[in-house]
Amino acid sequence: MANIRDVAERAGAGLGTVSRVINNSGYVSAEARLRIEKAMEELEFTPNQMARNLGRQSNNLVAIIVPNISHPFFGDYIKHAEMELYLRGYKTVVCDTMQRSDREQEFLDMLRRRAVDGIILSTHALEDEEYRKAKGPIVSMEQRLGRGIPMVCSDHPKGGRLAAQRLEERGCRYVAQFTEAGVVKPANARYVAFAEYLEARKVTVYEIPTNYNRLDFANYLEAANKLFNKQPQIDGFFGVDMAACAVLKVAHQRGIHVPEKLKVVGYDGSMITEIGPQNITAVVQPIREMAQHSVAAVVDLIENRPRLRDETILDVYLREGDTA
């Protein structure tokens, strides 16, 4: 079976020139192109991925860095992003930082060493300068890291308002939400919008801060028990899907009926909102579209295509369920 070197030898051309013809990139004279195409035809040469990579020093690998691979949102996101990358000719390396900054730094170093062609980043435990120093294609999920690093996120203020409107419409007067302490990111705007909407309508809002660096179910169960111990009178709750599940579990244990005594609205709309005995009413983030946009952005950067904007903000909507 002929390879790229055989084509180069038959055509009397360099490997780089043959690679440019294969990838249809860069300048190749008309005469050289004809010789190379004729050699490919004579040798019945079919370009493979290794040959395509030779000219641009590419591994065709994109790393997706997430804080917790078992979290439903990130599981859904990785599934869609991996498929989108595959359709574009790239393989996926999934990196779970386990919420540790040293692991994130190690994964970021893969870009500096050119072990991967680009990174989609869904965790941000380092200083922003560390990402800018990487000097490679990076796309951020949910965090503004500076000029030249595209960001993809949802319309979080709208999401917070949609949840608040639903709870207020259902007559809730004492509501609670779990917030993430110690981190500043666009997603926090949902907490602000939620509280502002309800407080303007004289609804009492209790906020329970949770550790942003812990995304496990035990963390949310702990916060849910703390909430019911301190504020047993609450009649409405808003939080990410896993937090909503924890609140429903603790409410059931304490004999609090949903939705008669307590209304619950989740945030993300991941698969776990539809697998229990009650479908959870939820604000849905467009996880598939988020994956598609972030993959498109990182591939554009890898392949040196110009980008018209650094931020992509996607719409959200409220999905009806049984809990509100």
Protein backbone atom coordinates (compact mmCIF):
# COMPACT_ATOMS: atom_id res chain seq x y z
CA MET A 1 0.00 0.00 0.00
CA ALA A 2 1.44 3.36 -1.04
CA ASN A 3 2.15 6.02 1.56
CA ILE A 4 2.82 9.74 1.49
CA ARG A 5 6.55 9.22 1.02
CA ASP A 6 5.91 7.08 -2.07
CA VAL A 7 3.74 9.87 -3.50
CA ALA A 8 6.43 12.46 -2.77
CA GLU A 9 9.08 10.32 -4.45
CA ARG A 10 6.94 9.57 -7.53
CA ALA A 11 6.00 13.26 -7.93
CA GLY A 12 9.48 14.57 -7.19
CA ALA A 13 8.11 16.78 -4.43
CA GLY A 14 8.77 17.35 -0.74
CA LEU A 15 6.66 15.79 2.00
CA GLY A 16 5.43 19.22 3.06
CA THR A 17 4.24 20.01 -0.46
CA VAL A 18 2.38 16.70 -0.69
CA SER A 19 0.81 17.36 2.71
CA ARG A 20 -0.41 20.80 1.57
CA VAL A 21 -2.12 19.20 -1.42
CA ILE A 22 -3.72 16.54 0.76
CA ASN A 23 -4.98 19.13 3.26
CA ASN A 24 -5.71 21.76 0.59
CA SER A 25 -3.81 24.31 2.67
CA GLY A 26 -0.99 26.66 1.81
CA TYR A 27 0.46 27.55 -1.57
CA VAL A 28 1.34 24.84 -4.09
CA SER A 29 2.13 25.69 -7.72
CA ALA A 30 -0.27 24.40 -10.32
CA GLU A 31 2.48 22.28 -11.91
CA ALA A 32 3.45 20.63 -8.62
CA ARG A 33 -0.19 20.01 -7.71
CA LEU A 34 -0.80 18.22 -11.03
CA ARG A 35 2.28 16.01 -10.55
CA ILE A 36 1.23 15.09 -7.01
CA GLU A 37 -2.38 14.37 -7.94
CA LYS A 38 -1.20 12.23 -10.86
CA ALA A 39 1.17 10.31 -8.56
CA MET A 40 -1.65 9.75 -6.05
CA GLU A 41 -3.87 8.40 -8.81
CA GLU A 42 -1.17 6.12 -10.24
CA LEU A 43 -0.33 4.73 -6.81
CA GLU A 44 -4.02 4.48 -5.80
CA PHE A 45 -3.09 6.48 -2.72
CA THR A 46 -5.84 7.35 -0.21
CA PRO A 47 -4.80 9.95 2.38
CA ASN A 48 -5.02 8.72 5.97
CA GLN A 49 -5.17 10.78 9.11
CA MET A 50 -1.45 10.41 9.81
CA ALA A 51 -0.65 11.88 6.43
CA ARG A 52 -3.03 14.76 7.02
CA ASN A 53 -1.34 15.46 10.34
CA LEU A 54 2.21 15.46 8.99
CA GLY A 55 2.04 18.90 7.42
CA ARG A 56 0.52 20.66 10.41
CA GLN A 57 2.12 18.82 13.34
CA SER A 58 -1.25 17.82 14.69
CA ASN A 59 -2.28 14.96 16.95
CA ASN A 60 -5.96 15.47 16.15
CA LEU A 61 -6.62 15.31 19.88
CA VAL A 62 -8.68 17.76 21.92
CA ALA A 63 -8.71 17.61 25.72
CA ILE A 64 -11.91 18.32 27.62
CA ILE A 65 -11.09 19.27 31.20
CA VAL A 66 -13.93 18.95 33.72
CA PRO A 67 -14.04 19.16 37.53
CA ASN A 68 -16.02 15.93 38.03
CA ILE A 69 -16.74 13.45 35.27
CA SER A 70 -19.52 11.78 37.29
CA HIS A 71 -21.54 15.01 37.53
CA PRO A 72 -24.65 14.69 35.30
CA PHE A 73 -24.11 18.01 33.51
CA PHE A 74 -20.52 17.20 32.59
CA GLY A 75 -21.40 13.63 31.63
CA ASP A 76 -24.01 14.91 29.17
CA TYR A 77 -21.66 17.60 27.90
CA ILE A 78 -18.77 15.20 27.26
CA LYS A 79 -21.06 12.82 25.36
CA HIS A 80 -22.15 15.52 22.92
CA ALA A 81 -18.72 17.15 22.61
CA GLU A 82 -17.00 13.82 21.90
CA MET A 83 -19.43 13.09 19.06
CA GLU A 84 -19.05 16.58 17.60
CA LEU A 85 -15.25 16.29 17.69
CA TYR A 86 -15.42 12.87 16.05
CA LEU A 87 -17.53 14.26 13.21
CA ARG A 88 -14.85 16.92 12.67
CA GLY A 89 -12.02 14.38 12.57
CA TYR A 90 -10.75 14.76 16.14
CA LYS A 91 -10.43 12.36 19.05
CA THR A 92 -11.23 13.31 22.65
CA VAL A 93 -9.11 13.10 25.79
CA VAL A 94 -11.27 13.50 28.91
CA CYS A 95 -9.45 14.93 31.93
CA ASP A 96 -11.06 14.89 35.39
CA THR A 97 -9.34 17.37 37.72
CA MET A 98 -11.19 16.05 40.80
CA GLN A 99 -11.40 19.74 41.75
CA ARG A 100 -7.62 19.94 42.26
CA SER A 101 -5.64 22.84 40.81
CA ASP A 102 -2.45 20.77 40.49
CA ARG A 103 -4.21 18.26 38.24
CA GLU A 104 -5.63 21.09 36.14
CA GLN A 105 -2.12 22.52 35.75
CA GLU A 106 -0.84 19.13 34.59
CA PHE A 107 -3.57 18.89 31.98
CA LEU A 108 -2.94 22.44 30.82
CA ASP A 109 0.74 21.55 30.35
CA MET A 110 -0.34 19.03 27.70
CA LEU A 111 -1.14 21.99 25.44
CA ARG A 112 2.26 23.57 26.06
CA ARG A 113 3.95 20.26 25.16
CA ARG A 114 1.67 19.92 22.09
CA ALA A 115 0.42 16.57 23.35
CA VAL A 116 -3.03 17.85 22.39
CA ASP A 117 -4.09 20.35 19.73
CA GLY A 118 -6.56 22.26 21.88
CA ILE A 119 -8.44 22.33 25.16
CA ILE A 120 -12.07 22.85 26.11
CA LEU A 121 -12.02 24.00 29.71
CA SER A 122 -14.93 23.48 32.10
CA THR A 123 -13.03 24.04 35.31
CA HIS A 124 -11.12 27.09 36.47
CA ALA A 125 -9.05 26.46 39.59
CA LEU A 126 -6.02 28.44 38.40
CA GLU A 127 -5.37 32.13 37.99
CA ASP A 128 -6.56 33.49 34.64
CA GLU A 129 -2.97 34.30 33.66
CA GLU A 130 -2.10 30.59 33.63
CA TYR A 131 -4.57 29.98 30.82
CA ARG A 132 -3.32 32.90 28.78
CA LYS A 133 0.29 31.70 29.21
CA ALA A 134 -0.61 28.35 27.64
CA LYS A 135 -0.40 30.00 24.18
CA GLY A 136 -2.57 27.45 22.47
CA PRO A 137 -6.18 26.94 21.42
CA ILE A 138 -8.38 27.12 24.53
CA VAL A 139 -12.15 27.50 24.74
CA SER A 140 -13.76 28.19 28.09
CA MET A 141 -17.08 26.96 29.37
CA GLU A 142 -18.65 29.46 31.75
CA GLN A 143 -15.62 31.63 32.52
CA ARG A 144 -14.25 34.81 30.96
CA LEU A 145 -10.49 34.27 30.77
CA GLY A 146 -9.52 37.25 28.66
CA ARG A 147 -9.25 38.36 25.08
CA GLY A 148 -8.58 35.62 22.57
CA ILE A 149 -10.09 32.80 24.67
CA PRO A 150 -13.65 32.19 23.47
CA MET A 151 -16.33 31.51 26.09
CA VAL A 152 -19.56 29.56 25.72
CA CYS A 153 -22.27 29.81 28.35
CA SER A 154 -26.03 29.93 28.88
CA ASP A 155 -28.22 32.94 29.56
CA HIS A 156 -27.99 32.49 33.33
CA PRO A 157 -29.84 35.67 34.36
CA LYS A 158 -32.83 34.51 32.32
CA GLY A 159 -32.59 31.08 33.94
CA GLY A 160 -32.72 32.56 37.42
CA ARG A 161 -35.73 34.70 36.52
CA LEU A 162 -37.61 31.76 34.98
CA ALA A 163 -37.18 29.74 38.17
CA ALA A 164 -38.21 32.67 40.35
CA GLN A 165 -41.29 33.37 38.25
CA ARG A 166 -42.44 29.77 38.48
CA LEU A 167 -42.08 29.60 42.28
CA GLU A 168 -43.78 32.97 42.74
CA GLU A 169 -46.64 31.96 40.43
CA ARG A 170 -47.15 28.82 42.51
CA GLY A 171 -47.59 30.91 45.66
CA CYS A 172 -44.21 30.37 47.33
CA ARG A 173 -43.35 32.99 49.97
CA TYR A 174 -40.26 31.49 51.64
CA VAL A 175 -37.81 30.12 49.12
CA ALA A 176 -34.22 28.95 49.26
CA GLN A 177 -31.38 28.44 46.83
CA PHE A 178 -27.91 26.91 47.06
CA THR A 179 -25.16 29.28 45.91
CA GLU A 180 -21.49 28.63 45.19
CA ALA A 181 -19.21 30.37 47.66
CA GLY A 182 -15.72 31.49 46.72
CA VAL A 183 -15.96 31.62 42.93
CA VAL A 184 -16.83 34.36 40.44
CA LYS A 185 -18.23 33.22 37.09
CA PRO A 186 -21.09 34.10 34.72
CA ALA A 187 -23.21 31.23 36.07
CA ASN A 188 -23.51 33.08 39.39
CA ALA A 189 -25.76 35.61 37.65
CA ARG A 190 -28.63 33.14 37.99
CA TYR A 191 -28.48 33.37 41.78
CA VAL A 192 -28.53 37.17 41.66
CA ALA A 193 -31.41 37.34 39.16
CA PHE A 194 -33.40 34.76 41.14
CA ALA A 195 -33.09 36.68 44.41
CA GLU A 196 -33.70 40.11 42.87
CA TYR A 197 -36.88 39.01 41.13
CA LEU A 198 -38.40 37.48 44.27
CA GLU A 199 -37.26 40.10 46.74
CA ALA A 200 -38.83 42.80 44.55
CA ARG A 201 -42.11 40.94 45.08
CA LYS A 202 -41.67 40.66 48.86
CA VAL A 203 -40.78 36.97 48.78
CA THR A 204 -38.21 35.93 51.39
CA VAL A 205 -35.10 34.30 49.89
CA TYR A 206 -32.69 32.18 51.94
CA GLU A 207 -29.28 31.45 50.47
CA ILE A 208 -27.22 28.45 51.56
CA PRO A 209 -23.60 28.67 50.34
CA THR A 210 -22.08 25.39 49.15
CA ASN A 211 -18.46 24.56 48.43
CA TYR A 212 -17.92 25.28 44.72
CA ASN A 213 -15.03 22.81 44.74
CA ARG A 214 -17.31 19.90 45.70
CA LEU A 215 -19.79 18.62 43.16
CA ASP A 216 -20.67 15.31 44.78
CA PHE A 217 -24.13 14.30 45.97
CA ALA A 218 -22.99 14.07 49.61
CA ASN A 219 -22.16 17.78 49.54
CA TYR A 220 -25.70 18.64 48.45
CA LEU A 221 -27.27 16.26 50.96
CA GLU A 222 -25.33 18.00 53.72
CA ALA A 223 -26.54 21.39 52.50
CA ALA A 224 -30.14 20.14 52.20
CA ASN A 225 -30.20 18.88 55.80
CA LYS A 226 -28.69 22.16 56.95
CA LEU A 227 -31.39 24.05 55.05
CA PHE A 228 -34.33 22.14 56.57
CA ASN A 229 -32.82 22.36 60.06
CA LYS A 230 -32.42 26.14 59.84
CA GLN A 231 -35.44 27.06 57.69
CA PRO A 232 -38.15 24.38 58.10
CA GLN A 233 -40.80 26.80 56.81
CA ILE A 234 -39.48 26.99 53.23
CA ASP A 235 -42.04 26.28 50.53
CA GLY A 236 -39.83 26.68 47.44
CA PHE A 237 -36.33 25.64 46.34
CA PHE A 238 -34.05 26.39 43.40
CA GLY A 239 -30.70 24.77 42.64
CA VAL A 240 -28.72 22.69 40.16
CA ASP A 241 -30.22 19.32 39.30
CA MET A 242 -28.15 17.36 41.81
CA ALA A 243 -29.03 19.84 44.57
CA ALA A 244 -32.71 19.55 43.64
CA CYS A 245 -32.44 15.74 43.93
CA ALA A 246 -30.83 16.08 47.36
CA VAL A 247 -33.59 18.41 48.56
CA LEU A 248 -36.26 16.03 47.28
CA LYS A 249 -34.60 13.12 49.09
CA VAL A 250 -34.37 14.96 52.42
CA ALA A 251 -37.93 16.29 52.04
CA HIS A 252 -39.18 12.74 51.53
CA GLN A 253 -37.27 11.56 54.61
CA ARG A 254 -38.91 14.31 56.67
CA GLY A 255 -42.41 13.70 55.36
CA ILE A 256 -42.60 16.94 53.38
CA HIS A 257 -44.80 16.40 50.32
CA VAL A 258 -43.77 17.74 46.92
CA PRO A 259 -45.33 19.72 45.30
CA GLU A 260 -48.12 20.19 47.89
CA LYS A 261 -45.90 21.63 50.65
CA LEU A 262 -42.68 22.29 48.78
CA LYS A 263 -42.06 23.35 45.17
CA VAL A 264 -38.69 22.46 43.60
CA VAL A 265 -37.08 23.81 40.40
CA GLY A 266 -33.79 22.38 39.17
CA TYR A 267 -31.18 23.95 36.94
CA ASP A 268 -29.41 22.24 34.01
CA GLY A 269 -32.17 19.86 32.87
CA SER A 270 -29.80 16.90 32.78
CA MET A 271 -30.95 13.27 32.56
CA ILE A 272 -31.32 12.85 36.33
CA THR A 273 -34.31 15.21 36.35
CA GLU A 274 -36.34 12.59 34.47
CA ILE A 275 -35.35 9.24 36.02
CA GLY A 276 -36.96 9.41 39.47
CA PRO A 277 -40.56 8.87 40.57
CA GLN A 278 -41.18 12.57 39.89
CA ASN A 279 -39.91 14.47 36.88
CA ILE A 280 -38.20 17.56 38.24
CA THR A 281 -39.36 20.91 36.91
CA ALA A 282 -36.13 22.45 35.62
CA VAL A 283 -34.53 25.33 33.80
CA VAL A 284 -32.85 23.60 30.87
CA GLN A 285 -29.42 24.54 29.63
CA PRO A 286 -28.91 23.56 25.96
CA ILE A 287 -26.09 21.12 26.74
CA ARG A 288 -25.82 19.71 23.21
CA GLU A 289 -25.67 23.17 21.66
CA MET A 290 -23.09 24.26 24.25
CA ALA A 291 -20.95 21.30 23.23
CA GLN A 292 -21.38 22.03 19.53
CA HIS A 293 -20.45 25.69 19.89
CA SER A 294 -17.41 25.03 22.08
CA VAL A 295 -16.15 22.33 19.70
CA ALA A 296 -16.65 24.63 16.70
CA ALA A 297 -14.69 27.35 18.49
CA VAL A 298 -11.72 25.18 19.44
CA VAL A 299 -11.51 23.62 15.96
CA ASP A 300 -11.58 27.10 14.40
CA LEU A 301 -8.64 28.07 16.61
CA ILE A 302 -6.72 24.88 15.83
CA GLU A 303 -7.25 25.29 12.10
CA ASN A 304 -6.53 29.05 12.14
CA ARG A 305 -9.96 30.19 11.03
CA PRO A 306 -10.99 33.69 12.13
CA ARG A 307 -13.68 34.04 14.82
CA LEU A 308 -16.16 36.89 14.75
CA ARG A 309 -16.87 36.90 18.49
CA ASP A 310 -15.34 35.75 21.77
CA GLU A 311 -18.61 35.07 23.62
CA THR A 312 -21.51 32.78 22.76
CA ILE A 313 -24.52 32.99 25.08
CA LEU A 314 -27.25 30.42 24.51
CA ASP A 315 -30.92 30.54 25.45
CA VAL A 316 -32.53 28.55 28.28
CA TYR A 317 -36.13 27.51 28.95
CA LEU A 318 -38.30 26.10 31.73
CA ARG A 319 -39.30 22.47 31.29
CA GLU A 320 -42.47 21.35 33.03
CA GLY A 321 -42.24 18.58 35.60
CA ASP A 322 -44.02 17.26 38.68
CA THR A 323 -42.25 19.27 41.38
CA ALA A 324 -43.48 22.83 40.80
